[in-house]
Amino acid sequence: MKGYWINHILEVKDAERFTAYADAAHPLLDGDNKYGAKMLMRSPVHETLKGSPVQAAAVVEFDSVQAAIDFWDDTDYAKTRLLMGTLIDETAVVDRRVCCIEAEALIVSAGQGFWINHVHEIVDETAFFSYADASMEHFTSAIYGPVVHQHAGGQKIQLAAALGLENLQAALETYDSASYQAGLDIFGMATDERTVVNRTICAIEA
């Protein structure tokens, strides 16, 4: 089992300082470290399919979920976060949600489309998990799970996922497709899925 960060960048408020942070963090996310920290994908969001708008999303893999938790306060990574201000509050530079989950290894191919999902609240657990199991037929690969730890973000997240599709076009079109909508309808989610779940779904290209 691996650990993952499933990240939503809601707003970059200071592009210069955030770029300095991102550039400094980049070499720490190549997999060659004691945490196995590896950036699997990072992309502007092409469309926020559900929920409030998100600017960018990312998935980082670690050797374990504990490594995903511990990396945040690693000396070298903490130095990069200081480029955005204090270690306690980065919100003057960026508003982001960084969520840790545990899952099996995810294989990512260049050009794949992905849904990067944050589940804020499950209103009807029976309906949601039945829908979630049934919806897996639409995806070529997937990692998902309860959020074990959340490093950043004012809104707490219950579950997070990275769901792979064949390409970006599929990521943009699947939600409104007849087959996917039929699945939503079965579980009472087609008209307004907020009766079952409150979530953010972002479409990106790996």
C-alpha atoms as a PDB file:
ATOM      1  CA  MET A   1       0.000   0.000   0.000  1.00  0.00           C
ATOM      2  CA  LYS A   2       1.143   3.513  -0.827  1.00  0.00           C
ATOM      3  CA  GLY A   3       0.360   6.900   0.664  1.00  0.00           C
ATOM      4  CA  TYR A   4      -0.961   9.734  -1.481  1.00  0.00           C
ATOM      5  CA  TRP A   5      -1.573  13.430  -1.356  1.00  0.00           C
ATOM      6  CA  ILE A   6      -4.728  14.308  -3.278  1.00  0.00           C
ATOM      7  CA  ASN A   7      -4.474  18.092  -3.700  1.00  0.00           C
ATOM      8  CA  HIS A   8      -6.824  20.830  -4.829  1.00  0.00           C
ATOM      9  CA  ILE A   9      -5.383  24.312  -5.342  1.00  0.00           C
ATOM     10  CA  LEU A  10      -8.384  26.593  -4.983  1.00  0.00           C
ATOM     11  CA  GLU A  11      -6.635  29.926  -5.484  1.00  0.00           C
ATOM     12  CA  VAL A  12      -3.070  31.178  -5.906  1.00  0.00           C
ATOM     13  CA  LYS A  13      -3.056  34.618  -4.296  1.00  0.00           C
ATOM     14  CA  ASP A  14       0.645  35.442  -4.749  1.00  0.00           C
ATOM     15  CA  ALA A  15       1.931  33.862  -7.962  1.00  0.00           C
ATOM     16  CA  GLU A  16       5.560  34.913  -7.457  1.00  0.00           C
ATOM     17  CA  ARG A  17       5.878  33.374  -4.009  1.00  0.00           C
ATOM     18  CA  PHE A  18       3.929  30.256  -4.945  1.00  0.00           C
ATOM     19  CA  THR A  19       6.124  29.710  -8.013  1.00  0.00           C
ATOM     20  CA  ALA A  20       9.236  30.042  -5.831  1.00  0.00           C
ATOM     21  CA  TYR A  21       7.811  27.395  -3.494  1.00  0.00           C
ATOM     22  CA  ALA A  22       6.857  25.063  -6.360  1.00  0.00           C
ATOM     23  CA  ASP A  23      10.276  25.367  -8.012  1.00  0.00           C
ATOM     24  CA  ALA A  24      12.051  24.633  -4.717  1.00  0.00           C
ATOM     25  CA  ALA A  25       9.771  21.683  -3.929  1.00  0.00           C
ATOM     26  CA  HIS A  26      10.119  20.089  -7.370  1.00  0.00           C
ATOM     27  CA  PRO A  27      13.440  18.242  -6.740  1.00  0.00           C
ATOM     28  CA  LEU A  28      12.046  16.879  -3.459  1.00  0.00           C
ATOM     29  CA  LEU A  29       9.270  15.113  -5.362  1.00  0.00           C
ATOM     30  CA  ASP A  30      11.274  12.925  -7.753  1.00  0.00           C
ATOM     31  CA  GLY A  31      10.955   9.719  -5.705  1.00  0.00           C
ATOM     32  CA  ASP A  32      14.630   9.668  -4.685  1.00  0.00           C
ATOM     33  CA  ASN A  33      14.206  10.239  -0.947  1.00  0.00           C
ATOM     34  CA  LYS A  34      13.405   8.335   2.234  1.00  0.00           C
ATOM     35  CA  TYR A  35       9.692   9.084   1.851  1.00  0.00           C
ATOM     36  CA  GLY A  36       9.444   7.914  -1.748  1.00  0.00           C
ATOM     37  CA  ALA A  37       7.806  11.281  -2.462  1.00  0.00           C
ATOM     38  CA  LYS A  38       7.019  11.398  -6.176  1.00  0.00           C
ATOM     39  CA  MET A  39       4.859  13.843  -8.101  1.00  0.00           C
ATOM     40  CA  LEU A  40       2.592  11.646 -10.255  1.00  0.00           C
ATOM     41  CA  MET A  41       0.619  14.469 -11.822  1.00  0.00           C
ATOM     42  CA  ARG A  42       0.139  18.200 -11.511  1.00  0.00           C
ATOM     43  CA  SER A  43      -2.024  20.173 -13.889  1.00  0.00           C
ATOM     44  CA  PRO A  44      -4.289  23.161 -14.268  1.00  0.00           C
ATOM     45  CA  VAL A  45      -7.905  22.110 -13.902  1.00  0.00           C
ATOM     46  CA  HIS A  46      -9.561  22.034 -17.322  1.00  0.00           C
ATOM     47  CA  GLU A  47     -13.019  22.005 -15.761  1.00  0.00           C
ATOM     48  CA  THR A  48     -14.505  21.737 -12.295  1.00  0.00           C
ATOM     49  CA  LEU A  49     -17.333  19.286 -12.962  1.00  0.00           C
ATOM     50  CA  LYS A  50     -18.945  19.519  -9.516  1.00  0.00           C
ATOM     51  CA  GLY A  51     -18.407  21.903  -6.628  1.00  0.00           C
ATOM     52  CA  SER A  52     -16.743  25.297  -6.366  1.00  0.00           C
ATOM     53  CA  PRO A  53     -14.035  26.171  -8.929  1.00  0.00           C
ATOM     54  CA  VAL A  54     -10.528  24.771  -8.481  1.00  0.00           C
ATOM     55  CA  GLN A  55      -7.497  26.206 -10.302  1.00  0.00           C
ATOM     56  CA  ALA A  56      -5.158  23.206 -10.263  1.00  0.00           C
ATOM     57  CA  ALA A  57      -4.841  19.704  -8.862  1.00  0.00           C
ATOM     58  CA  ALA A  58      -2.027  17.315  -8.048  1.00  0.00           C
ATOM     59  CA  VAL A  59      -1.340  13.777  -6.859  1.00  0.00           C
ATOM     60  CA  VAL A  60       1.862  12.913  -4.977  1.00  0.00           C
ATOM     61  CA  GLU A  61       2.806   9.300  -4.145  1.00  0.00           C
ATOM     62  CA  PHE A  62       4.699   8.172  -1.024  1.00  0.00           C
ATOM     63  CA  ASP A  63       6.047   4.837   0.194  1.00  0.00           C
ATOM     64  CA  SER A  64       3.336   4.704   2.867  1.00  0.00           C
ATOM     65  CA  VAL A  65       0.553   6.820   4.288  1.00  0.00           C
ATOM     66  CA  GLN A  66       2.775   7.556   7.293  1.00  0.00           C
ATOM     67  CA  ALA A  67       5.427   8.890   4.916  1.00  0.00           C
ATOM     68  CA  ALA A  68       2.737  11.091   3.329  1.00  0.00           C
ATOM     69  CA  ILE A  69       1.991  12.496   6.785  1.00  0.00           C
ATOM     70  CA  ASP A  70       5.618  12.888   7.915  1.00  0.00           C
ATOM     71  CA  PHE A  71       6.916  14.518   4.723  1.00  0.00           C
ATOM     72  CA  TRP A  72       5.000  17.736   5.441  1.00  0.00           C
ATOM     73  CA  ASP A  73       7.292  18.560   8.374  1.00  0.00           C
ATOM     74  CA  ASP A  74      10.504  17.194   6.867  1.00  0.00           C
ATOM     75  CA  THR A  75      13.278  19.775   7.264  1.00  0.00           C
ATOM     76  CA  ASP A  76      13.877  20.252   3.537  1.00  0.00           C
ATOM     77  CA  TYR A  77      10.217  20.427   2.607  1.00  0.00           C
ATOM     78  CA  ALA A  78       9.446  22.749   5.510  1.00  0.00           C
ATOM     79  CA  LYS A  79      12.071  25.130   4.115  1.00  0.00           C
ATOM     80  CA  THR A  80      10.171  25.279   0.829  1.00  0.00           C
ATOM     81  CA  ARG A  81       6.916  26.027   2.657  1.00  0.00           C
ATOM     82  CA  LEU A  82       8.620  28.912   4.434  1.00  0.00           C
ATOM     83  CA  LEU A  83       8.917  30.588   1.034  1.00  0.00           C
ATOM     84  CA  MET A  84       5.172  31.179   1.355  1.00  0.00           C
ATOM     85  CA  GLY A  85       5.296  32.630   4.877  1.00  0.00           C
ATOM     86  CA  THR A  86       5.107  30.869   8.210  1.00  0.00           C
ATOM     87  CA  LEU A  87       4.735  27.106   8.598  1.00  0.00           C
ATOM     88  CA  ILE A  88       1.438  27.684  10.378  1.00  0.00           C
ATOM     89  CA  ASP A  89      -0.353  29.769   7.765  1.00  0.00           C
ATOM     90  CA  GLU A  90       0.241  29.802   3.990  1.00  0.00           C
ATOM     91  CA  THR A  91      -3.133  31.313   3.073  1.00  0.00           C
ATOM     92  CA  ALA A  92      -1.677  34.707   2.108  1.00  0.00           C
ATOM     93  CA  VAL A  93      -0.061  32.878  -0.834  1.00  0.00           C
ATOM     94  CA  VAL A  94      -2.293  29.908  -1.629  1.00  0.00           C
ATOM     95  CA  ASP A  95      -5.618  28.414  -0.651  1.00  0.00           C
ATOM     96  CA  ARG A  96      -5.259  24.664  -1.083  1.00  0.00           C
ATOM     97  CA  ARG A  97      -6.454  21.365   0.349  1.00  0.00           C
ATOM     98  CA  VAL A  98      -3.795  18.678   0.869  1.00  0.00           C
ATOM     99  CA  CYS A  99      -5.343  15.339   1.864  1.00  0.00           C
ATOM    100  CA  CYS A 100      -3.556  12.071   2.730  1.00  0.00           C
ATOM    101  CA  ILE A 101      -5.063   8.706   1.809  1.00  0.00           C
ATOM    102  CA  GLU A 102      -3.808   5.117   1.666  1.00  0.00           C
ATOM    103  CA  ALA A 103      -4.278   3.070  -1.514  1.00  0.00           C
ATOM    104  CA  GLU A 104      -2.675   0.553  -3.826  1.00  0.00           C
ATOM    105  CA  ALA A 105      -0.101   1.834  -6.311  1.00  0.00           C
ATOM    106  CA  LEU A 106      -1.526   4.002  -9.097  1.00  0.00           C
ATOM    107  CA  ILE A 107      -0.206   3.646 -12.639  1.00  0.00           C
ATOM    108  CA  VAL A 108      -0.381   6.902 -14.604  1.00  0.00           C
ATOM    109  CA  SER A 109       0.158   7.213 -18.363  1.00  0.00           C
ATOM    110  CA  ALA A 110       0.899  10.479 -20.137  1.00  0.00           C
ATOM    111  CA  GLY A 111      -2.196  11.897 -21.767  1.00  0.00           C
ATOM    112  CA  GLN A 112      -4.657  10.181 -19.462  1.00  0.00           C
ATOM    113  CA  GLY A 113      -7.559  12.176 -18.118  1.00  0.00           C
ATOM    114  CA  PHE A 114      -8.223  12.133 -14.384  1.00  0.00           C
ATOM    115  CA  TRP A 115     -10.915  13.172 -11.987  1.00  0.00           C
ATOM    116  CA  ILE A 116      -9.292  14.507  -8.812  1.00  0.00           C
ATOM    117  CA  ASN A 117     -12.051  14.352  -6.199  1.00  0.00           C
ATOM    118  CA  HIS A 118     -12.616  15.675  -2.691  1.00  0.00           C
ATOM    119  CA  VAL A 119     -15.715  14.466  -0.845  1.00  0.00           C
ATOM    120  CA  HIS A 120     -16.799  17.056   1.700  1.00  0.00           C
ATOM    121  CA  GLU A 121     -19.844  15.337   3.162  1.00  0.00           C
ATOM    122  CA  ILE A 122     -21.641  12.042   2.614  1.00  0.00           C
ATOM    123  CA  VAL A 123     -25.336  12.617   3.290  1.00  0.00           C
ATOM    124  CA  ASP A 124     -26.576   9.081   2.484  1.00  0.00           C
ATOM    125  CA  GLU A 125     -23.833   6.487   2.993  1.00  0.00           C
ATOM    126  CA  THR A 126     -25.806   3.546   1.592  1.00  0.00           C
ATOM    127  CA  ALA A 127     -26.645   5.337  -1.649  1.00  0.00           C
ATOM    128  CA  PHE A 128     -23.196   6.902  -2.060  1.00  0.00           C
ATOM    129  CA  PHE A 129     -21.121   3.751  -1.585  1.00  0.00           C
ATOM    130  CA  SER A 130     -23.484   1.726  -3.787  1.00  0.00           C
ATOM    131  CA  TYR A 131     -23.128   4.400  -6.490  1.00  0.00           C
ATOM    132  CA  ALA A 132     -19.341   4.518  -6.018  1.00  0.00           C
ATOM    133  CA  ASP A 133     -18.973   0.754  -6.517  1.00  0.00           C
ATOM    134  CA  ALA A 134     -21.183   0.810  -9.605  1.00  0.00           C
ATOM    135  CA  SER A 135     -19.367   3.806 -11.131  1.00  0.00           C
ATOM    136  CA  MET A 136     -15.952   2.082 -11.209  1.00  0.00           C
ATOM    137  CA  GLU A 137     -16.727   0.598 -14.627  1.00  0.00           C
ATOM    138  CA  HIS A 138     -16.196   4.062 -16.128  1.00  0.00           C
ATOM    139  CA  PHE A 139     -12.576   4.374 -14.982  1.00  0.00           C
ATOM    140  CA  THR A 140      -9.378   2.757 -16.248  1.00  0.00           C
ATOM    141  CA  SER A 141      -7.576   3.112 -12.897  1.00  0.00           C
ATOM    142  CA  ALA A 142      -8.411   4.481  -9.484  1.00  0.00           C
ATOM    143  CA  ILE A 143      -7.190   5.269  -6.001  1.00  0.00           C
ATOM    144  CA  TYR A 144      -9.586   6.373  -3.285  1.00  0.00           C
ATOM    145  CA  GLY A 145     -10.104   6.220   0.427  1.00  0.00           C
ATOM    146  CA  PRO A 146     -10.892   8.056   3.633  1.00  0.00           C
ATOM    147  CA  VAL A 147      -8.684  11.043   4.414  1.00  0.00           C
ATOM    148  CA  VAL A 148      -6.279   9.814   7.100  1.00  0.00           C
ATOM    149  CA  HIS A 149      -4.768  13.249   7.640  1.00  0.00           C
ATOM    150  CA  GLN A 150      -5.287  16.692   6.110  1.00  0.00           C
ATOM    151  CA  HIS A 151      -2.262  18.987   5.954  1.00  0.00           C
ATOM    152  CA  ALA A 152      -3.982  22.097   4.614  1.00  0.00           C
ATOM    153  CA  GLY A 153      -7.417  23.468   3.809  1.00  0.00           C
ATOM    154  CA  GLY A 154     -10.084  25.296   5.730  1.00  0.00           C
ATOM    155  CA  GLN A 155     -12.781  22.806   4.751  1.00  0.00           C
ATOM    156  CA  LYS A 156     -12.350  19.277   6.078  1.00  0.00           C
ATOM    157  CA  ILE A 157     -12.488  16.445   3.539  1.00  0.00           C
ATOM    158  CA  GLN A 158     -13.871  12.981   4.309  1.00  0.00           C
ATOM    159  CA  LEU A 159     -12.699  11.045   1.250  1.00  0.00           C
ATOM    160  CA  ALA A 160     -10.425  11.722  -1.688  1.00  0.00           C
ATOM    161  CA  ALA A 161      -9.837  10.007  -5.019  1.00  0.00           C
ATOM    162  CA  ALA A 162      -7.914  10.066  -8.288  1.00  0.00           C
ATOM    163  CA  LEU A 163      -9.920   8.338 -11.011  1.00  0.00           C
ATOM    164  CA  GLY A 164      -8.281   7.651 -14.365  1.00  0.00           C
ATOM    165  CA  LEU A 165      -9.938   7.797 -17.775  1.00  0.00           C
ATOM    166  CA  GLU A 166      -8.630   7.152 -21.269  1.00  0.00           C
ATOM    167  CA  ASN A 167      -7.925  10.794 -22.077  1.00  0.00           C
ATOM    168  CA  LEU A 168      -8.862  14.354 -21.165  1.00  0.00           C
ATOM    169  CA  GLN A 169     -11.902  14.341 -23.441  1.00  0.00           C
ATOM    170  CA  ALA A 170     -13.279  11.342 -21.557  1.00  0.00           C
ATOM    171  CA  ALA A 171     -12.622  13.109 -18.258  1.00  0.00           C
ATOM    172  CA  LEU A 172     -14.599  16.125 -19.483  1.00  0.00           C
ATOM    173  CA  GLU A 173     -17.505  14.180 -21.006  1.00  0.00           C
ATOM    174  CA  THR A 174     -18.075  11.138 -18.764  1.00  0.00           C
ATOM    175  CA  TYR A 175     -20.092  12.871 -16.045  1.00  0.00           C
ATOM    176  CA  ASP A 176     -22.753  14.010 -18.542  1.00  0.00           C
ATOM    177  CA  SER A 177     -22.744  10.773 -20.538  1.00  0.00           C
ATOM    178  CA  ALA A 178     -25.942   8.725 -20.703  1.00  0.00           C
ATOM    179  CA  SER A 179     -24.353   5.708 -19.000  1.00  0.00           C
ATOM    180  CA  TYR A 180     -22.945   7.709 -16.081  1.00  0.00           C
ATOM    181  CA  GLN A 181     -26.147   9.693 -15.626  1.00  0.00           C
ATOM    182  CA  ALA A 182     -28.110   6.432 -15.598  1.00  0.00           C
ATOM    183  CA  GLY A 183     -25.979   5.276 -12.677  1.00  0.00           C
ATOM    184  CA  LEU A 184     -26.599   8.522 -10.820  1.00  0.00           C
ATOM    185  CA  ASP A 185     -30.317   8.146 -11.432  1.00  0.00           C
ATOM    186  CA  ILE A 186     -30.407   4.671  -9.876  1.00  0.00           C
ATOM    187  CA  PHE A 187     -29.184   6.091  -6.578  1.00  0.00           C
ATOM    188  CA  GLY A 188     -31.220   9.292  -6.643  1.00  0.00           C
ATOM    189  CA  MET A 189     -28.321  11.551  -7.642  1.00  0.00           C
ATOM    190  CA  ALA A 190     -29.175  12.613 -11.193  1.00  0.00           C
ATOM    191  CA  THR A 191     -31.316  15.640 -10.375  1.00  0.00           C
ATOM    192  CA  ASP A 192     -29.220  16.891  -7.458  1.00  0.00           C
ATOM    193  CA  GLU A 193     -26.465  14.660  -6.128  1.00  0.00           C
ATOM    194  CA  ARG A 194     -26.181  16.838  -3.019  1.00  0.00           C
ATOM    195  CA  THR A 195     -29.043  14.809  -1.548  1.00  0.00           C
ATOM    196  CA  VAL A 196     -26.458  12.008  -1.337  1.00  0.00           C
ATOM    197  CA  VAL A 197     -23.010  13.637  -1.401  1.00  0.00           C
ATOM    198  CA  ASN A 198     -21.330  17.041  -1.420  1.00  0.00           C
ATOM    199  CA  ARG A 199     -18.114  16.805  -3.430  1.00  0.00           C
ATOM    200  CA  THR A 200     -15.717  18.567  -5.774  1.00  0.00           C
ATOM    201  CA  ILE A 201     -14.720  16.857  -9.029  1.00  0.00           C
ATOM    202  CA  CYS A 202     -11.897  18.348 -11.126  1.00  0.00           C
ATOM    203  CA  ALA A 203     -10.901  17.167 -14.596  1.00  0.00           C
ATOM    204  CA  ILE A 204      -7.193  17.309 -15.455  1.00  0.00           C
ATOM    205  CA  GLU A 205      -4.765  15.756 -17.940  1.00  0.00           C
ATOM    206  CA  ALA A 206      -1.852  13.706 -16.607  1.00  0.00           C
END
